[in-house]
Amino acid sequence: MDLPEAEWRKRLSPEQYHVLREGGTERAFTGVYWDNHDEGAYRCAACGESLFDSGTKFDSGSGWPSFTGPAAQDHVTLHEDRTHGMVRTEVRCGKCGGHLGHVFPDGPGPEGLRYCINSAALDFEKK
């Protein structure tokens, strides 16, 4: 999904635009979903793609919504991120390319991964 930046600015709030289109990060413990325990699906706030299921969400103590894995592997893409003097793995929406957050190798799930995702990049569909 490729839209002109002016269209993204119209569709997204300023915080969503900063995170999804500029690779920004919300402050820890400030996002609407970091402490959400409802059952349902987390979707991309930009395009609606199904990204994560509440069954894979866990409390990592980081202040951001954390998941052990995506709803489907092709719904996210992973990219090397060398910003801020670190080497990390960035997570983007597989449909629109929006920045979601990062994945780290310290999660509790079967793959040992923690998808650390910005609330501003997500919409939640309650079950």
C-alpha atoms as a PDB file:
ATOM      1  CA  MET A   1       0.000   0.000   0.000  1.00  0.00           C
ATOM      2  CA  ASP A   2       1.814   3.047  -1.264  1.00  0.00           C
ATOM      3  CA  LEU A   3       0.228   6.433  -0.633  1.00  0.00           C
ATOM      4  CA  PRO A   4       1.617   9.961  -0.971  1.00  0.00           C
ATOM      5  CA  GLU A   5       2.861  11.391   2.335  1.00  0.00           C
ATOM      6  CA  ALA A   6       0.104  14.037   2.249  1.00  0.00           C
ATOM      7  CA  GLU A   7      -2.495  11.237   2.300  1.00  0.00           C
ATOM      8  CA  TRP A   8      -0.759   9.496   5.225  1.00  0.00           C
ATOM      9  CA  ARG A   9      -0.790  12.799   7.136  1.00  0.00           C
ATOM     10  CA  LYS A  10      -4.549  13.104   6.560  1.00  0.00           C
ATOM     11  CA  ARG A  11      -5.273   9.506   7.642  1.00  0.00           C
ATOM     12  CA  LEU A  12      -3.074   9.383  10.759  1.00  0.00           C
ATOM     13  CA  SER A  13      -2.861  11.412  13.955  1.00  0.00           C
ATOM     14  CA  PRO A  14       0.410  13.342  14.418  1.00  0.00           C
ATOM     15  CA  GLU A  15       1.703  10.655  16.837  1.00  0.00           C
ATOM     16  CA  GLN A  16       0.706   7.810  14.514  1.00  0.00           C
ATOM     17  CA  TYR A  17       2.391   9.576  11.591  1.00  0.00           C
ATOM     18  CA  HIS A  18       5.575  10.097  13.617  1.00  0.00           C
ATOM     19  CA  VAL A  19       5.759   6.416  14.589  1.00  0.00           C
ATOM     20  CA  LEU A  20       4.480   4.722  11.431  1.00  0.00           C
ATOM     21  CA  ARG A  21       5.933   6.968   8.731  1.00  0.00           C
ATOM     22  CA  GLU A  22       8.993   8.530  10.420  1.00  0.00           C
ATOM     23  CA  GLY A  23      10.155   5.560  12.519  1.00  0.00           C
ATOM     24  CA  GLY A  24       9.491   7.307  15.815  1.00  0.00           C
ATOM     25  CA  THR A  25       8.908   5.756  19.228  1.00  0.00           C
ATOM     26  CA  GLU A  26       6.365   6.656  21.861  1.00  0.00           C
ATOM     27  CA  ARG A  27       7.560   6.985  25.453  1.00  0.00           C
ATOM     28  CA  ALA A  28       7.378   3.838  27.577  1.00  0.00           C
ATOM     29  CA  PHE A  29       4.202   3.326  29.628  1.00  0.00           C
ATOM     30  CA  THR A  30       2.298   6.031  27.702  1.00  0.00           C
ATOM     31  CA  GLY A  31       0.675   4.081  24.860  1.00  0.00           C
ATOM     32  CA  VAL A  32      -2.949   3.013  25.055  1.00  0.00           C
ATOM     33  CA  TYR A  33      -2.206  -0.730  24.599  1.00  0.00           C
ATOM     34  CA  TRP A  34       0.857  -1.435  26.761  1.00  0.00           C
ATOM     35  CA  ASP A  35      -1.388  -2.618  29.621  1.00  0.00           C
ATOM     36  CA  ASN A  36      -4.357  -3.888  27.572  1.00  0.00           C
ATOM     37  CA  HIS A  37      -5.477  -7.377  28.638  1.00  0.00           C
ATOM     38  CA  ASP A  38      -8.605  -7.720  26.483  1.00  0.00           C
ATOM     39  CA  GLU A  39      -8.905 -10.546  23.958  1.00  0.00           C
ATOM     40  CA  GLY A  40      -8.798  -9.604  20.309  1.00  0.00           C
ATOM     41  CA  ALA A  41      -6.647  -8.668  17.348  1.00  0.00           C
ATOM     42  CA  TYR A  42      -4.089  -5.897  16.975  1.00  0.00           C
ATOM     43  CA  ARG A  43      -4.132  -4.315  13.511  1.00  0.00           C
ATOM     44  CA  CYS A  44      -1.931  -1.797  11.738  1.00  0.00           C
ATOM     45  CA  ALA A  45      -3.276   1.696  12.494  1.00  0.00           C
ATOM     46  CA  ALA A  46      -2.320   2.794   8.970  1.00  0.00           C
ATOM     47  CA  CYS A  47      -3.772   0.046   6.765  1.00  0.00           C
ATOM     48  CA  GLY A  48      -5.734  -2.362   8.963  1.00  0.00           C
ATOM     49  CA  GLU A  49      -3.512  -5.408   8.393  1.00  0.00           C
ATOM     50  CA  SER A  50      -3.853  -8.048  11.127  1.00  0.00           C
ATOM     51  CA  LEU A  51      -0.515  -7.986  12.972  1.00  0.00           C
ATOM     52  CA  PHE A  52      -0.732  -9.609  16.411  1.00  0.00           C
ATOM     53  CA  ASP A  53      -3.218 -11.648  18.432  1.00  0.00           C
ATOM     54  CA  SER A  54      -3.898 -11.010  22.119  1.00  0.00           C
ATOM     55  CA  GLY A  55      -3.002 -14.645  22.837  1.00  0.00           C
ATOM     56  CA  THR A  56       0.642 -13.870  22.059  1.00  0.00           C
ATOM     57  CA  LYS A  57       0.774 -10.653  24.137  1.00  0.00           C
ATOM     58  CA  PHE A  58       2.724 -10.708  27.400  1.00  0.00           C
ATOM     59  CA  ASP A  59       3.902  -8.252  30.053  1.00  0.00           C
ATOM     60  CA  SER A  60       7.571  -7.670  29.330  1.00  0.00           C
ATOM     61  CA  GLY A  61       7.903  -4.826  31.834  1.00  0.00           C
ATOM     62  CA  SER A  62       9.225  -2.618  29.008  1.00  0.00           C
ATOM     63  CA  GLY A  63       6.231  -0.253  28.844  1.00  0.00           C
ATOM     64  CA  TRP A  64       5.323  -1.179  25.263  1.00  0.00           C
ATOM     65  CA  PRO A  65       2.955  -3.872  24.009  1.00  0.00           C
ATOM     66  CA  SER A  66       5.033  -7.047  23.643  1.00  0.00           C
ATOM     67  CA  PHE A  67       4.190 -10.163  21.649  1.00  0.00           C
ATOM     68  CA  THR A  68       5.904 -13.524  21.112  1.00  0.00           C
ATOM     69  CA  GLY A  69       5.112 -13.521  17.381  1.00  0.00           C
ATOM     70  CA  PRO A  70       3.000 -12.005  14.612  1.00  0.00           C
ATOM     71  CA  ALA A  71      -0.453 -13.197  13.520  1.00  0.00           C
ATOM     72  CA  ALA A  72       1.229 -14.481  10.337  1.00  0.00           C
ATOM     73  CA  GLN A  73       4.915 -14.293   9.354  1.00  0.00           C
ATOM     74  CA  ASP A  74       4.184 -12.447   6.098  1.00  0.00           C
ATOM     75  CA  HIS A  75       2.158  -9.755   7.889  1.00  0.00           C
ATOM     76  CA  VAL A  76       5.383  -8.191   9.160  1.00  0.00           C
ATOM     77  CA  THR A  77       8.805  -7.639   7.643  1.00  0.00           C
ATOM     78  CA  LEU A  78      12.110  -7.394   9.493  1.00  0.00           C
ATOM     79  CA  HIS A  79      14.890  -4.928   8.656  1.00  0.00           C
ATOM     80  CA  GLU A  80      18.310  -4.145  10.103  1.00  0.00           C
ATOM     81  CA  ASP A  81      18.257  -0.862  12.031  1.00  0.00           C
ATOM     82  CA  ARG A  82      21.588   0.808  12.826  1.00  0.00           C
ATOM     83  CA  THR A  83      20.210   4.076  14.221  1.00  0.00           C
ATOM     84  CA  HIS A  84      21.092   5.505  17.646  1.00  0.00           C
ATOM     85  CA  GLY A  85      24.464   3.694  17.714  1.00  0.00           C
ATOM     86  CA  MET A  86      22.843   0.254  18.013  1.00  0.00           C
ATOM     87  CA  VAL A  87      22.153  -2.700  15.769  1.00  0.00           C
ATOM     88  CA  ARG A  88      18.537  -3.781  16.146  1.00  0.00           C
ATOM     89  CA  THR A  89      15.878  -5.502  14.078  1.00  0.00           C
ATOM     90  CA  GLU A  90      13.073  -3.184  13.033  1.00  0.00           C
ATOM     91  CA  VAL A  91       9.541  -4.554  12.542  1.00  0.00           C
ATOM     92  CA  ARG A  92       7.385  -3.071   9.762  1.00  0.00           C
ATOM     93  CA  CYS A  93       3.884  -3.789   8.533  1.00  0.00           C
ATOM     94  CA  GLY A  94       4.087  -6.220   5.627  1.00  0.00           C
ATOM     95  CA  LYS A  95       1.238  -4.474   3.791  1.00  0.00           C
ATOM     96  CA  CYS A  96       1.998  -0.731   4.058  1.00  0.00           C
ATOM     97  CA  GLY A  97       5.598  -0.712   5.318  1.00  0.00           C
ATOM     98  CA  GLY A  98       4.747   1.311   8.427  1.00  0.00           C
ATOM     99  CA  HIS A  99       7.247   1.227  11.299  1.00  0.00           C
ATOM    100  CA  LEU A 100       5.837  -0.805  14.195  1.00  0.00           C
ATOM    101  CA  GLY A 101       8.756  -1.240  16.594  1.00  0.00           C
ATOM    102  CA  HIS A 102      11.592  -3.741  17.080  1.00  0.00           C
ATOM    103  CA  VAL A 103      12.066  -7.427  17.811  1.00  0.00           C
ATOM    104  CA  PHE A 104      14.513  -8.679  20.446  1.00  0.00           C
ATOM    105  CA  PRO A 105      15.820 -12.183  21.278  1.00  0.00           C
ATOM    106  CA  ASP A 106      14.654 -12.137  24.922  1.00  0.00           C
ATOM    107  CA  GLY A 107      11.029 -13.257  24.759  1.00  0.00           C
ATOM    108  CA  PRO A 108       9.340 -16.126  26.585  1.00  0.00           C
ATOM    109  CA  GLY A 109       7.722 -17.822  23.584  1.00  0.00           C
ATOM    110  CA  PRO A 110       8.859 -20.866  21.621  1.00  0.00           C
ATOM    111  CA  GLU A 111      11.020 -18.722  19.315  1.00  0.00           C
ATOM    112  CA  GLY A 112      12.456 -16.700  22.219  1.00  0.00           C
ATOM    113  CA  LEU A 113      11.417 -13.411  20.584  1.00  0.00           C
ATOM    114  CA  ARG A 114       9.877 -10.225  21.973  1.00  0.00           C
ATOM    115  CA  TYR A 115       8.112  -8.057  19.417  1.00  0.00           C
ATOM    116  CA  CYS A 116       8.180  -4.662  21.149  1.00  0.00           C
ATOM    117  CA  ILE A 117       5.531  -2.595  19.336  1.00  0.00           C
ATOM    118  CA  ASN A 118       4.369   1.020  19.648  1.00  0.00           C
ATOM    119  CA  SER A 119       0.709   1.426  20.652  1.00  0.00           C
ATOM    120  CA  ALA A 120       0.476   4.328  18.200  1.00  0.00           C
ATOM    121  CA  ALA A 121       1.115   1.875  15.356  1.00  0.00           C
ATOM    122  CA  LEU A 122      -1.817  -0.316  16.402  1.00  0.00           C
ATOM    123  CA  ASP A 123      -5.582  -0.429  16.432  1.00  0.00           C
ATOM    124  CA  PHE A 124      -7.292  -3.024  18.616  1.00  0.00           C
ATOM    125  CA  GLU A 125     -10.309  -5.072  17.575  1.00  0.00           C
ATOM    126  CA  LYS A 126     -11.896  -6.531  20.706  1.00  0.00           C
ATOM    127  CA  LYS A 127     -13.141 -10.120  20.442  1.00  0.00           C
END
